[in-house]
Amino acid sequence: MQRTLIASVFIALASTAALAGPACNVPQTQWMKEGDFKAKLEQQGYQIKTFKVSKGQCYEIYGFDKAGKKVEIYFDPATAAVLEQK
């Protein structure tokens, strides 16, 4: 019984971490300025509805791509590379 409980807690914690998005280990001194970052994405055709820094210290946007498709994307804050897209 105790093993089942421990396993359940471990699985719950692991699945919560998986939902949190990627982690970015970049010092903030190397991050692209927020305004420059947004401008770069808008030039690529993105419409940004929400912009934030995720719990994992990545840039995260909610909005639409140039085809009008809804997107949630995590970016490396220094390079603007896409890390994860949902």
Protein backbone atom coordinates (compact mmCIF):
# COMPACT_ATOMS: atom_id res chain seq x y z
CA MET A 1 0.00 0.00 0.00
CA GLN A 2 2.79 2.41 0.91
CA ARG A 3 4.63 1.66 -2.35
CA THR A 4 1.51 2.48 -4.34
CA LEU A 5 1.11 5.78 -2.52
CA ILE A 6 4.75 6.72 -3.06
CA ALA A 7 4.53 5.79 -6.73
CA SER A 8 1.36 7.84 -7.15
CA VAL A 9 2.95 10.90 -5.55
CA PHE A 10 6.04 10.53 -7.75
CA ILE A 11 3.93 10.25 -10.91
CA ALA A 12 1.84 13.28 -9.93
CA LEU A 13 4.94 15.38 -9.32
CA ALA A 14 6.57 14.25 -12.55
CA SER A 15 3.48 15.06 -14.61
CA THR A 16 3.20 18.52 -13.01
CA ALA A 17 6.79 19.28 -13.96
CA ALA A 18 6.11 18.15 -17.51
CA LEU A 19 3.23 20.61 -17.84
CA ALA A 20 5.34 23.53 -16.68
CA GLY A 21 7.28 23.91 -19.93
CA PRO A 22 11.00 23.97 -20.59
CA ALA A 23 13.64 25.52 -18.35
CA CYS A 24 16.05 28.16 -19.63
CA ASN A 25 19.38 28.44 -17.86
CA VAL A 26 20.46 31.74 -19.40
CA PRO A 27 21.66 34.63 -17.21
CA GLN A 28 19.26 37.58 -17.51
CA THR A 29 22.14 39.80 -18.59
CA GLN A 30 22.18 37.81 -21.87
CA TRP A 31 18.44 38.00 -22.52
CA MET A 32 17.14 39.82 -25.57
CA LYS A 33 15.22 42.97 -24.58
CA GLU A 34 11.50 42.30 -24.38
CA GLY A 35 10.64 45.01 -26.92
CA ASP A 36 13.24 43.75 -29.41
CA PHE A 37 12.03 40.19 -28.93
CA LYS A 38 8.38 41.10 -29.54
CA ALA A 39 9.30 43.16 -32.62
CA LYS A 40 11.26 40.23 -34.07
CA LEU A 41 8.29 37.87 -33.63
CA GLU A 42 5.84 40.37 -35.10
CA GLN A 43 8.11 40.72 -38.15
CA GLN A 44 7.80 36.94 -38.53
CA GLY A 45 4.00 37.28 -38.62
CA TYR A 46 3.07 36.42 -35.03
CA GLN A 47 0.24 38.27 -33.29
CA ILE A 48 1.11 38.30 -29.59
CA LYS A 49 -1.87 38.36 -27.21
CA THR A 50 0.06 37.49 -24.04
CA PHE A 51 3.78 37.71 -23.39
CA LYS A 52 5.39 36.52 -20.16
CA VAL A 53 8.41 34.93 -18.56
CA SER A 54 7.56 31.32 -17.70
CA LYS A 55 8.30 29.58 -14.41
CA GLY A 56 11.28 28.00 -16.17
CA GLN A 57 12.65 31.46 -17.00
CA CYS A 58 11.88 31.28 -20.74
CA TYR A 59 9.97 33.79 -22.84
CA GLU A 60 6.46 32.49 -23.49
CA ILE A 61 3.82 33.83 -25.84
CA TYR A 62 0.18 33.11 -26.48
CA GLY A 63 -1.30 34.36 -29.71
CA PHE A 64 -1.52 33.50 -33.39
CA ASP A 65 0.97 32.58 -36.11
CA LYS A 66 0.94 34.15 -39.59
CA ALA A 67 -1.64 31.57 -40.74
CA GLY A 68 -3.99 32.64 -37.93
CA LYS A 69 -3.47 29.42 -35.94
CA LYS A 70 -3.55 29.73 -32.16
CA VAL A 71 -0.12 29.13 -30.58
CA GLU A 72 1.58 28.78 -27.21
CA ILE A 73 5.35 28.91 -27.66
CA TYR A 74 8.33 28.89 -25.30
CA PHE A 75 11.49 30.64 -26.52
CA ASP A 76 15.09 30.85 -25.38
CA PRO A 77 15.29 34.44 -24.07
CA ALA A 78 18.81 35.00 -25.43
CA THR A 79 18.52 33.54 -28.95
CA ALA A 80 14.74 33.54 -29.58
CA ALA A 81 15.01 29.87 -30.58
CA VAL A 82 11.74 27.94 -30.24
CA LEU A 83 12.05 25.45 -27.37
CA GLU A 84 8.54 24.08 -27.24
CA GLN A 85 5.29 24.75 -29.07
CA LYS A 86 1.82 23.62 -28.07
